[in-house]
Amino acid sequence: MEIEDKFDMLLRMLEEFERKRGKADQRRRADFQSLKAAVESWMPEVQKNAEELQISVGDCHAQKFPNGIPSRMCIKIPVQDQPGYTNDNVDIQIHVLQTS
């Protein structure tokens, strides 16, 4: 009789765990659906911000380079306390490749 009682108790425990697991799965699915809906609602705003940033960068380029981006630029960068340099500036030439 003891073995049958223990077996019945184990079966009840398994049924209880299965029921709890089923409820947890339902909650998890609901949480994921909620998260998915939240992320999908943010996507248009993120896309809009990215487009506005692209337009803003284009406007800045148009203001900085009204005749188009130059193919070469020379920049002087001050160098201080660097061993081996005798002048105060380092000249850097940048070649810009333009693609269509």
PDB file of N, CA and C in Angstrom:
ATOM      1  N   MET A   1       0.805  -1.198   0.000  1.00  0.00           N
ATOM      2  CA  MET A   1       0.000   0.000   0.000  1.00  0.00           C
ATOM      3  C   MET A   1       0.848   1.262   0.000  1.00  0.00           C
ATOM      4  N   GLU A   2       1.950   1.263   0.684  1.00  0.00           N
ATOM      5  CA  GLU A   2       2.802   2.452   0.718  1.00  0.00           C
ATOM      6  C   GLU A   2       3.336   2.800  -0.668  1.00  0.00           C
ATOM      7  N   ILE A   3       3.720   1.794  -1.433  1.00  0.00           N
ATOM      8  CA  ILE A   3       4.272   2.044  -2.763  1.00  0.00           C
ATOM      9  C   ILE A   3       3.201   2.666  -3.655  1.00  0.00           C
ATOM     10  N   GLU A   4       1.978   2.163  -3.574  1.00  0.00           N
ATOM     11  CA  GLU A   4       0.889   2.732  -4.374  1.00  0.00           C
ATOM     12  C   GLU A   4       0.595   4.171  -3.965  1.00  0.00           C
ATOM     13  N   ASP A   5       0.649   4.457  -2.681  1.00  0.00           N
ATOM     14  CA  ASP A   5       0.427   5.832  -2.205  1.00  0.00           C
ATOM     15  C   ASP A   5       1.523   6.767  -2.712  1.00  0.00           C
ATOM     16  N   LYS A   6       2.758   6.289  -2.647  1.00  0.00           N
ATOM     17  CA  LYS A   6       3.880   7.111  -3.142  1.00  0.00           C
ATOM     18  C   LYS A   6       3.757   7.329  -4.646  1.00  0.00           C
ATOM     19  N   PHE A   7       3.364   6.269  -5.340  1.00  0.00           N
ATOM     20  CA  PHE A   7       3.192   6.389  -6.782  1.00  0.00           C
ATOM     21  C   PHE A   7       2.082   7.385  -7.112  1.00  0.00           C
ATOM     22  N   ASP A   8       0.966   7.318  -6.406  1.00  0.00           N
ATOM     23  CA  ASP A   8      -0.132   8.275  -6.607  1.00  0.00           C
ATOM     24  C   ASP A   8       0.316   9.702  -6.304  1.00  0.00           C
ATOM     25  N   MET A   9       1.097   9.854  -5.238  1.00  0.00           N
ATOM     26  CA  MET A   9       1.601  11.180  -4.885  1.00  0.00           C
ATOM     27  C   MET A   9       2.525  11.722  -5.984  1.00  0.00           C
ATOM     28  N   LEU A  10       3.392  10.851  -6.513  1.00  0.00           N
ATOM     29  CA  LEU A  10       4.273  11.266  -7.613  1.00  0.00           C
ATOM     30  C   LEU A  10       3.466  11.662  -8.844  1.00  0.00           C
ATOM     31  N   LEU A  11       2.431  10.902  -9.154  1.00  0.00           N
ATOM     32  CA  LEU A  11       1.584  11.239 -10.301  1.00  0.00           C
ATOM     33  C   LEU A  11       0.889  12.587 -10.101  1.00  0.00           C
ATOM     34  N   ARG A  12       0.379  12.830  -8.899  1.00  0.00           N
ATOM     35  CA  ARG A  12      -0.258  14.127  -8.610  1.00  0.00           C
ATOM     36  C   ARG A  12       0.755  15.264  -8.736  1.00  0.00           C
ATOM     37  N   MET A  13       1.979  15.023  -8.231  1.00  0.00           N
ATOM     38  CA  MET A  13       3.020  16.058  -8.329  1.00  0.00           C
ATOM     39  C   MET A  13       3.358  16.337  -9.790  1.00  0.00           C
ATOM     40  N   LEU A  14       3.474  15.278 -10.595  1.00  0.00           N
ATOM     41  CA  LEU A  14       3.759  15.464 -12.021  1.00  0.00           C
ATOM     42  C   LEU A  14       2.641  16.243 -12.704  1.00  0.00           C
ATOM     43  N   GLU A  15       1.397  15.912 -12.393  1.00  0.00           N
ATOM     44  CA  GLU A  15       0.266  16.628 -12.978  1.00  0.00           C
ATOM     45  C   GLU A  15       0.285  18.098 -12.577  1.00  0.00           C
ATOM     46  N   GLU A  16       0.621  18.368 -11.320  1.00  0.00           N
ATOM     47  CA  GLU A  16       0.696  19.754 -10.838  1.00  0.00           C
ATOM     48  C   GLU A  16       1.813  20.517 -11.551  1.00  0.00           C
ATOM     49  N   PHE A  17       2.980  19.872 -11.693  1.00  0.00           N
ATOM     50  CA  PHE A  17       4.094  20.522 -12.389  1.00  0.00           C
ATOM     51  C   PHE A  17       3.744  20.789 -13.847  1.00  0.00           C
ATOM     52  N   GLU A  18       3.077  19.840 -14.502  1.00  0.00           N
ATOM     53  CA  GLU A  18       2.662  20.036 -15.888  1.00  0.00           C
ATOM     54  C   GLU A  18       1.688  21.207 -16.002  1.00  0.00           C
ATOM     55  N   ARG A  19       0.758  21.295 -15.071  1.00  0.00           N
ATOM     56  CA  ARG A  19      -0.211  22.395 -15.089  1.00  0.00           C
ATOM     57  C   ARG A  19       0.502  23.732 -14.897  1.00  0.00           C
ATOM     58  N   LYS A  20       1.426  23.787 -13.933  1.00  0.00           N
ATOM     59  CA  LYS A  20       2.174  25.028 -13.690  1.00  0.00           C
ATOM     60  C   LYS A  20       3.035  25.391 -14.892  1.00  0.00           C
ATOM     61  N   ARG A  21       3.649  24.371 -15.509  1.00  0.00           N
ATOM     62  CA  ARG A  21       4.478  24.647 -16.679  1.00  0.00           C
ATOM     63  C   ARG A  21       3.634  25.189 -17.826  1.00  0.00           C
ATOM     64  N   GLY A  22       2.444  24.633 -17.999  1.00  0.00           N
ATOM     65  CA  GLY A  22       1.547  25.126 -19.045  1.00  0.00           C
ATOM     66  C   GLY A  22       1.171  26.582 -18.818  1.00  0.00           C
ATOM     67  N   LYS A  23       0.878  26.935 -17.573  1.00  0.00           N
ATOM     68  CA  LYS A  23       0.552  28.330 -17.256  1.00  0.00           C
ATOM     69  C   LYS A  23       1.757  29.235 -17.488  1.00  0.00           C
ATOM     70  N   ALA A  24       2.936  28.758 -17.092  1.00  0.00           N
ATOM     71  CA  ALA A  24       4.153  29.556 -17.297  1.00  0.00           C
ATOM     72  C   ALA A  24       4.408  29.759 -18.787  1.00  0.00           C
ATOM     73  N   ASP A  25       4.188  28.725 -19.598  1.00  0.00           N
ATOM     74  CA  ASP A  25       4.355  28.855 -21.048  1.00  0.00           C
ATOM     75  C   ASP A  25       3.381  29.883 -21.618  1.00  0.00           C
ATOM     76  N   GLN A  26       2.143  29.864 -21.140  1.00  0.00           N
ATOM     77  CA  GLN A  26       1.159  30.843 -21.613  1.00  0.00           C
ATOM     78  C   GLN A  26       1.575  32.259 -21.241  1.00  0.00           C
ATOM     79  N   ARG A  27       2.060  32.439 -20.006  1.00  0.00           N
ATOM     80  CA  ARG A  27       2.520  33.774 -19.585  1.00  0.00           C
ATOM     81  C   ARG A  27       3.714  34.217 -20.426  1.00  0.00           C
ATOM     82  N   ARG A  28       4.641  33.293 -20.671  1.00  0.00           N
ATOM     83  CA  ARG A  28       5.827  33.628 -21.457  1.00  0.00           C
ATOM     84  C   ARG A  28       5.433  34.020 -22.881  1.00  0.00           C
ATOM     85  N   ARG A  29       4.507  33.261 -23.478  1.00  0.00           N
ATOM     86  CA  ARG A  29       4.043  33.615 -24.823  1.00  0.00           C
ATOM     87  C   ARG A  29       3.394  34.993 -24.835  1.00  0.00           C
ATOM     88  N   ALA A  30       2.587  35.268 -23.824  1.00  0.00           N
ATOM     89  CA  ALA A  30       1.930  36.580 -23.735  1.00  0.00           C
ATOM     90  C   ALA A  30       2.966  37.685 -23.563  1.00  0.00           C
ATOM     91  N   ASP A  31       3.995  37.427 -22.746  1.00  0.00           N
ATOM     92  CA  ASP A  31       5.055  38.423 -22.558  1.00  0.00           C
ATOM     93  C   ASP A  31       5.800  38.679 -23.863  1.00  0.00           C
ATOM     94  N   PHE A  32       6.105  37.604 -24.606  1.00  0.00           N
ATOM     95  CA  PHE A  32       6.804  37.777 -25.881  1.00  0.00           C
ATOM     96  C   PHE A  32       5.938  38.517 -26.894  1.00  0.00           C
ATOM     97  N   GLN A  33       4.656  38.224 -26.914  1.00  0.00           N
ATOM     98  CA  GLN A  33       3.756  38.939 -27.821  1.00  0.00           C
ATOM     99  C   GLN A  33       3.702  40.422 -27.469  1.00  0.00           C
ATOM    100  N   SER A  34       3.674  40.717 -26.182  1.00  0.00           N
ATOM    101  CA  SER A  34       3.663  42.107 -25.730  1.00  0.00           C
ATOM    102  C   SER A  34       4.963  42.808 -26.118  1.00  0.00           C
ATOM    103  N   LEU A  35       6.083  42.124 -25.918  1.00  0.00           N
ATOM    104  CA  LEU A  35       7.379  42.690 -26.295  1.00  0.00           C
ATOM    105  C   LEU A  35       7.457  42.916 -27.799  1.00  0.00           C
ATOM    106  N   LYS A  36       6.990  41.945 -28.563  1.00  0.00           N
ATOM    107  CA  LYS A  36       6.995  42.073 -30.022  1.00  0.00           C
ATOM    108  C   LYS A  36       6.166  43.278 -30.461  1.00  0.00           C
ATOM    109  N   ALA A  37       4.987  43.438 -29.866  1.00  0.00           N
ATOM    110  CA  ALA A  37       4.125  44.575 -30.215  1.00  0.00           C
ATOM    111  C   ALA A  37       4.801  45.896 -29.864  1.00  0.00           C
ATOM    112  N   ALA A  38       5.479  45.946 -28.710  1.00  0.00           N
ATOM    113  CA  ALA A  38       6.163  47.177 -28.307  1.00  0.00           C
ATOM    114  C   ALA A  38       7.292  47.511 -29.274  1.00  0.00           C
ATOM    115  N   VAL A  39       8.099  46.518 -29.629  1.00  0.00           N
ATOM    116  CA  VAL A  39       9.214  46.758 -30.554  1.00  0.00           C
ATOM    117  C   VAL A  39       8.690  47.182 -31.916  1.00  0.00           C
ATOM    118  N   GLU A  40       7.651  46.511 -32.392  1.00  0.00           N
ATOM    119  CA  GLU A  40       7.087  46.876 -33.693  1.00  0.00           C
ATOM    120  C   GLU A  40       6.492  48.280 -33.679  1.00  0.00           C
ATOM    121  N   SER A  41       5.997  48.728 -32.532  1.00  0.00           N
ATOM    122  CA  SER A  41       5.458  50.089 -32.465  1.00  0.00           C
ATOM    123  C   SER A  41       6.576  51.127 -32.477  1.00  0.00           C
ATOM    124  N   TRP A  42       7.769  50.762 -32.000  1.00  0.00           N
ATOM    125  CA  TRP A  42       8.898  51.701 -31.996  1.00  0.00           C
ATOM    126  C   TRP A  42       9.560  51.802 -33.366  1.00  0.00           C
ATOM    127  N   MET A  43       9.458  50.767 -34.168  1.00  0.00           N
ATOM    128  CA  MET A  43      10.182  50.725 -35.435  1.00  0.00           C
ATOM    129  C   MET A  43       9.900  51.925 -36.342  1.00  0.00           C
ATOM    130  N   PRO A  44       8.648  52.347 -36.542  1.00  0.00           N
ATOM    131  CA  PRO A  44       8.436  53.518 -37.397  1.00  0.00           C
ATOM    132  C   PRO A  44       9.146  54.766 -36.867  1.00  0.00           C
ATOM    133  N   GLU A  45       9.165  54.947 -35.553  1.00  0.00           N
ATOM    134  CA  GLU A  45       9.830  56.112 -34.967  1.00  0.00           C
ATOM    135  C   GLU A  45      11.337  56.037 -35.186  1.00  0.00           C
ATOM    136  N   VAL A  46      11.913  54.861 -35.004  1.00  0.00           N
ATOM    137  CA  VAL A  46      13.353  54.683 -35.225  1.00  0.00           C
ATOM    138  C   VAL A  46      13.680  54.934 -36.691  1.00  0.00           C
ATOM    139  N   GLN A  47      12.866  54.391 -37.596  1.00  0.00           N
ATOM    140  CA  GLN A  47      13.085  54.597 -39.026  1.00  0.00           C
ATOM    141  C   GLN A  47      12.987  56.083 -39.369  1.00  0.00           C
ATOM    142  N   LYS A  48      11.998  56.770 -38.792  1.00  0.00           N
ATOM    143  CA  LYS A  48      11.825  58.203 -39.042  1.00  0.00           C
ATOM    144  C   LYS A  48      13.049  58.974 -38.556  1.00  0.00           C
ATOM    145  N   ASN A  49      13.544  58.628 -37.356  1.00  0.00           N
ATOM    146  CA  ASN A  49      14.727  59.309 -36.824  1.00  0.00           C
ATOM    147  C   ASN A  49      15.942  59.069 -37.705  1.00  0.00           C
ATOM    148  N   ALA A  50      16.098  57.859 -38.218  1.00  0.00           N
ATOM    149  CA  ALA A  50      17.230  57.556 -39.095  1.00  0.00           C
ATOM    150  C   ALA A  50      17.135  58.361 -40.389  1.00  0.00           C
ATOM    151  N   GLU A  51      15.937  58.470 -40.941  1.00  0.00           N
ATOM    152  CA  GLU A  51      15.758  59.254 -42.165  1.00  0.00           C
ATOM    153  C   GLU A  51      16.034  60.732 -41.909  1.00  0.00           C
ATOM    154  N   GLU A  52      15.557  61.249 -40.773  1.00  0.00           N
ATOM    155  CA  GLU A  52      15.815  62.651 -40.440  1.00  0.00           C
ATOM    156  C   GLU A  52      17.307  62.900 -40.255  1.00  0.00           C
ATOM    157  N   LEU A  53      18.012  61.947 -39.644  1.00  0.00           N
ATOM    158  CA  LEU A  53      19.455  62.079 -39.465  1.00  0.00           C
ATOM    159  C   LEU A  53      20.160  62.103 -40.813  1.00  0.00           C
ATOM    160  N   GLN A  54      19.747  61.240 -41.720  1.00  0.00           N
ATOM    161  CA  GLN A  54      20.352  61.208 -43.046  1.00  0.00           C
ATOM    162  C   GLN A  54      20.130  62.539 -43.770  1.00  0.00           C
ATOM    163  N   ILE A  55      18.932  63.090 -43.668  1.00  0.00           N
ATOM    164  CA  ILE A  55      18.639  64.379 -44.296  1.00  0.00           C
ATOM    165  C   ILE A  55      19.475  65.479 -43.656  1.00  0.00           C
ATOM    166  N   SER A  56      19.593  65.452 -42.330  1.00  0.00           N
ATOM    167  CA  SER A  56      20.372  66.458 -41.611  1.00  0.00           C
ATOM    168  C   SER A  56      21.845  66.407 -42.009  1.00  0.00           C
ATOM    169  N   VAL A  57      22.391  65.201 -42.125  1.00  0.00           N
ATOM    170  CA  VAL A  57      23.795  65.060 -42.550  1.00  0.00           C
ATOM    171  C   VAL A  57      23.958  65.587 -43.970  1.00  0.00           C
ATOM    172  N   GLY A  58      22.998  65.289 -44.826  1.00  0.00           N
ATOM    173  CA  GLY A  58      23.052  65.810 -46.193  1.00  0.00           C
ATOM    174  C   GLY A  58      23.006  67.332 -46.218  1.00  0.00           C
ATOM    175  N   ASP A  59      22.166  67.927 -45.372  1.00  0.00           N
ATOM    176  CA  ASP A  59      22.097  69.389 -45.288  1.00  0.00           C
ATOM    177  C   ASP A  59      23.417  69.974 -44.800  1.00  0.00           C
ATOM    178  N   CYS A  60      24.028  69.324 -43.803  1.00  0.00           N
ATOM    179  CA  CYS A  60      25.327  69.801 -43.297  1.00  0.00           C
ATOM    180  C   CYS A  60      26.385  69.740 -44.389  1.00  0.00           C
ATOM    181  N   HIS A  61      26.408  68.652 -45.165  1.00  0.00           N
ATOM    182  CA  HIS A  61      27.372  68.557 -46.268  1.00  0.00           C
ATOM    183  C   HIS A  61      27.122  69.660 -47.288  1.00  0.00           C
ATOM    184  N   ALA A  62      25.843  69.930 -47.577  1.00  0.00           N
ATOM    185  CA  ALA A  62      25.521  70.968 -48.557  1.00  0.00           C
ATOM    186  C   ALA A  62      25.969  72.342 -48.068  1.00  0.00           C
ATOM    187  N   GLN A  63      25.860  72.600 -46.754  1.00  0.00           N
ATOM    188  CA  GLN A  63      26.304  73.887 -46.212  1.00  0.00           C
ATOM    189  C   GLN A  63      27.825  73.974 -46.191  1.00  0.00           C
ATOM    190  N   LYS A  64      28.481  72.896 -45.816  1.00  0.00           N
ATOM    191  CA  LYS A  64      29.943  72.894 -45.697  1.00  0.00           C
ATOM    192  C   LYS A  64      30.602  72.887 -47.070  1.00  0.00           C
ATOM    193  N   PHE A  65      30.016  72.142 -47.999  1.00  0.00           N
ATOM    194  CA  PHE A  65      30.586  72.014 -49.339  1.00  0.00           C
ATOM    195  C   PHE A  65      29.521  72.357 -50.376  1.00  0.00           C
ATOM    196  N   PRO A  66      29.229  73.660 -50.585  1.00  0.00           N
ATOM    197  CA  PRO A  66      28.157  74.030 -51.518  1.00  0.00           C
ATOM    198  C   PRO A  66      28.442  73.611 -52.957  1.00  0.00           C
ATOM    199  N   ASN A  67      29.710  73.451 -53.321  1.00  0.00           N
ATOM    200  CA  ASN A  67      30.061  73.047 -54.688  1.00  0.00           C
ATOM    201  C   ASN A  67      30.302  71.544 -54.789  1.00  0.00           C
ATOM    202  N   GLY A  68      29.882  70.796 -53.806  1.00  0.00           N
ATOM    203  CA  GLY A  68      30.120  69.352 -53.802  1.00  0.00           C
ATOM    204  C   GLY A  68      31.314  69.022 -52.922  1.00  0.00           C
ATOM    205  N   ILE A  69      31.437  67.775 -52.576  1.00  0.00           N
ATOM    206  CA  ILE A  69      32.546  67.342 -51.730  1.00  0.00           C
ATOM    207  C   ILE A  69      33.825  67.358 -52.557  1.00  0.00           C
ATOM    208  N   PRO A  70      34.881  68.022 -52.057  1.00  0.00           N
ATOM    209  CA  PRO A  70      36.128  68.085 -52.825  1.00  0.00           C
ATOM    210  C   PRO A  70      36.773  66.708 -52.929  1.00  0.00           C
ATOM    211  N   SER A  71      37.567  66.534 -53.996  1.00  0.00           N
ATOM    212  CA  SER A  71      38.226  65.245 -54.177  1.00  0.00           C
ATOM    213  C   SER A  71      39.464  65.129 -53.296  1.00  0.00           C
ATOM    214  N   ARG A  72      40.015  66.279 -52.846  1.00  0.00           N
ATOM    215  CA  ARG A  72      41.173  66.275 -51.948  1.00  0.00           C
ATOM    216  C   ARG A  72      40.999  67.349 -50.902  1.00  0.00           C
ATOM    217  N   MET A  73      41.411  67.041 -49.692  1.00  0.00           N
ATOM    218  CA  MET A  73      41.409  68.023 -48.620  1.00  0.00           C
ATOM    219  C   MET A  73      42.732  67.901 -47.889  1.00  0.00           C
ATOM    220  N   CYS A  74      43.222  69.002 -47.374  1.00  0.00           N
ATOM    221  CA  CYS A  74      44.443  68.998 -46.578  1.00  0.00           C
ATOM    222  C   CYS A  74      44.098  69.522 -45.192  1.00  0.00           C
ATOM    223  N   ILE A  75      44.459  68.759 -44.181  1.00  0.00           N
ATOM    224  CA  ILE A  75      44.141  69.122 -42.804  1.00  0.00           C
ATOM    225  C   ILE A  75      45.436  69.226 -42.028  1.00  0.00           C
ATOM    226  N   LYS A  76      45.557  70.257 -41.220  1.00  0.00           N
ATOM    227  CA  LYS A  76      46.718  70.403 -40.347  1.00  0.00           C
ATOM    228  C   LYS A  76      46.294  70.069 -38.925  1.00  0.00           C
ATOM    229  N   ILE A  77      47.000  69.123 -38.326  1.00  0.00           N
ATOM    230  CA  ILE A  77      46.692  68.700 -36.967  1.00  0.00           C
ATOM    231  C   ILE A  77      47.865  69.077 -36.078  1.00  0.00           C
ATOM    232  N   PRO A  78      47.625  69.850 -35.011  1.00  0.00           N
ATOM    233  CA  PRO A  78      48.720  70.227 -34.117  1.00  0.00           C
ATOM    234  C   PRO A  78      49.278  69.002 -33.391  1.00  0.00           C
ATOM    235  N   VAL A  79      50.596  68.950 -33.308  1.00  0.00           N
ATOM    236  CA  VAL A  79      51.265  67.867 -32.591  1.00  0.00           C
ATOM    237  C   VAL A  79      52.092  68.502 -31.487  1.00  0.00           C
ATOM    238  N   GLN A  80      51.863  68.072 -30.278  1.00  0.00           N
ATOM    239  CA  GLN A  80      52.607  68.632 -29.151  1.00  0.00           C
ATOM    240  C   GLN A  80      53.268  67.503 -28.382  1.00  0.00           C
ATOM    241  N   ASP A  81      54.499  67.733 -27.993  1.00  0.00           N
ATOM    242  CA  ASP A  81      55.248  66.802 -27.154  1.00  0.00           C
ATOM    243  C   ASP A  81      55.316  65.395 -27.742  1.00  0.00           C
ATOM    244  N   GLN A  82      55.474  65.298 -29.053  1.00  0.00           N
ATOM    245  CA  GLN A  82      55.647  63.994 -29.685  1.00  0.00           C
ATOM    246  C   GLN A  82      57.101  63.860 -30.112  1.00  0.00           C
ATOM    247  N   PRO A  83      57.815  62.859 -29.622  1.00  0.00           N
ATOM    248  CA  PRO A  83      59.224  62.706 -29.994  1.00  0.00           C
ATOM    249  C   PRO A  83      59.367  62.441 -31.488  1.00  0.00           C
ATOM    250  N   GLY A  84      60.384  63.042 -32.068  1.00  0.00           N
ATOM    251  CA  GLY A  84      60.662  62.835 -33.479  1.00  0.00           C
ATOM    252  C   GLY A  84      60.033  63.852 -34.402  1.00  0.00           C
ATOM    253  N   TYR A  85      59.162  64.710 -33.905  1.00  0.00           N
ATOM    254  CA  TYR A  85      58.539  65.734 -34.730  1.00  0.00           C
ATOM    255  C   TYR A  85      59.199  67.069 -34.432  1.00  0.00           C
ATOM    256  N   THR A  86      59.605  67.746 -35.500  1.00  0.00           N
ATOM    257  CA  THR A  86      60.264  69.037 -35.303  1.00  0.00           C
ATOM    258  C   THR A  86      59.333  70.204 -35.579  1.00  0.00           C
ATOM    259  N   ASN A  87      58.233  69.971 -36.273  1.00  0.00           N
ATOM    260  CA  ASN A  87      57.307  71.074 -36.535  1.00  0.00           C
ATOM    261  C   ASN A  87      56.085  70.939 -35.637  1.00  0.00           C
ATOM    262  N   ASP A  88      55.261  71.947 -35.643  1.00  0.00           N
ATOM    263  CA  ASP A  88      54.099  71.969 -34.760  1.00  0.00           C
ATOM    264  C   ASP A  88      52.860  71.340 -35.383  1.00  0.00           C
ATOM    265  N   ASN A  89      52.909  71.047 -36.667  1.00  0.00           N
ATOM    266  CA  ASN A  89      51.731  70.522 -37.357  1.00  0.00           C
ATOM    267  C   ASN A  89      52.085  69.273 -38.150  1.00  0.00           C
ATOM    268  N   VAL A  90      51.118  68.411 -38.291  1.00  0.00           N
ATOM    269  CA  VAL A  90      51.242  67.259 -39.174  1.00  0.00           C
ATOM    270  C   VAL A  90      50.253  67.487 -40.305  1.00  0.00           C
ATOM    271  N   ASP A  91      50.727  67.401 -41.535  1.00  0.00           N
ATOM    272  CA  ASP A  91      49.852  67.577 -42.689  1.00  0.00           C
ATOM    273  C   ASP A  91      49.270  66.223 -43.083  1.00  0.00           C
ATOM    274  N   ILE A  92      47.971  66.191 -43.241  1.00  0.00           N
ATOM    275  CA  ILE A  92      47.283  64.975 -43.662  1.00  0.00           C
ATOM    276  C   ILE A  92      46.496  65.307 -44.911  1.00  0.00           C
ATOM    277  N   GLN A  93      46.676  64.505 -45.941  1.00  0.00           N
ATOM    278  CA  GLN A  93      45.878  64.673 -47.149  1.00  0.00           C
ATOM    279  C   GLN A  93      44.845  63.562 -47.198  1.00  0.00           C
ATOM    280  N   ILE A  94      43.625  63.955 -47.471  1.00  0.00           N
ATOM    281  CA  ILE A  94      42.527  63.000 -47.557  1.00  0.00           C
ATOM    282  C   ILE A  94      42.020  63.011 -48.990  1.00  0.00           C
ATOM    283  N   HIS A  95      41.968  61.849 -49.583  1.00  0.00           N
ATOM    284  CA  HIS A  95      41.420  61.709 -50.930  1.00  0.00           C
ATOM    285  C   HIS A  95      40.021  61.121 -50.797  1.00  0.00           C
ATOM    286  N   VAL A  96      39.038  61.830 -51.311  1.00  0.00           N
ATOM    287  CA  VAL A  96      37.647  61.412 -51.191  1.00  0.00           C
ATOM    288  C   VAL A  96      37.231  60.738 -52.487  1.00  0.00           C
ATOM    289  N   LEU A  97      36.763  59.515 -52.359  1.00  0.00           N
ATOM    290  CA  LEU A  97      36.256  58.802 -53.523  1.00  0.00           C
ATOM    291  C   LEU A  97      34.755  59.009 -53.579  1.00  0.00           C
ATOM    292  N   GLN A  98      34.294  59.548 -54.669  1.00  0.00           N
ATOM    293  CA  GLN A  98      32.863  59.794 -54.805  1.00  0.00           C
ATOM    294  C   GLN A  98      32.249  58.678 -55.632  1.00  0.00           C
ATOM    295  N   THR A  99      31.164  58.133 -55.119  1.00  0.00           N
ATOM    296  CA  THR A  99      30.442  57.101 -55.852  1.00  0.00           C
ATOM    297  C   THR A  99      29.050  57.614 -56.162  1.00  0.00           C
ATOM    298  N   SER A 100      28.480  57.073 -57.182  1.00  0.00           N
ATOM    299  CA  SER A 100      27.127  57.526 -57.547  1.00  0.00           C
ATOM    300  C   SER A 100      26.088  56.603 -56.992  1.00  0.00           C
TER     301      SER A 100
END
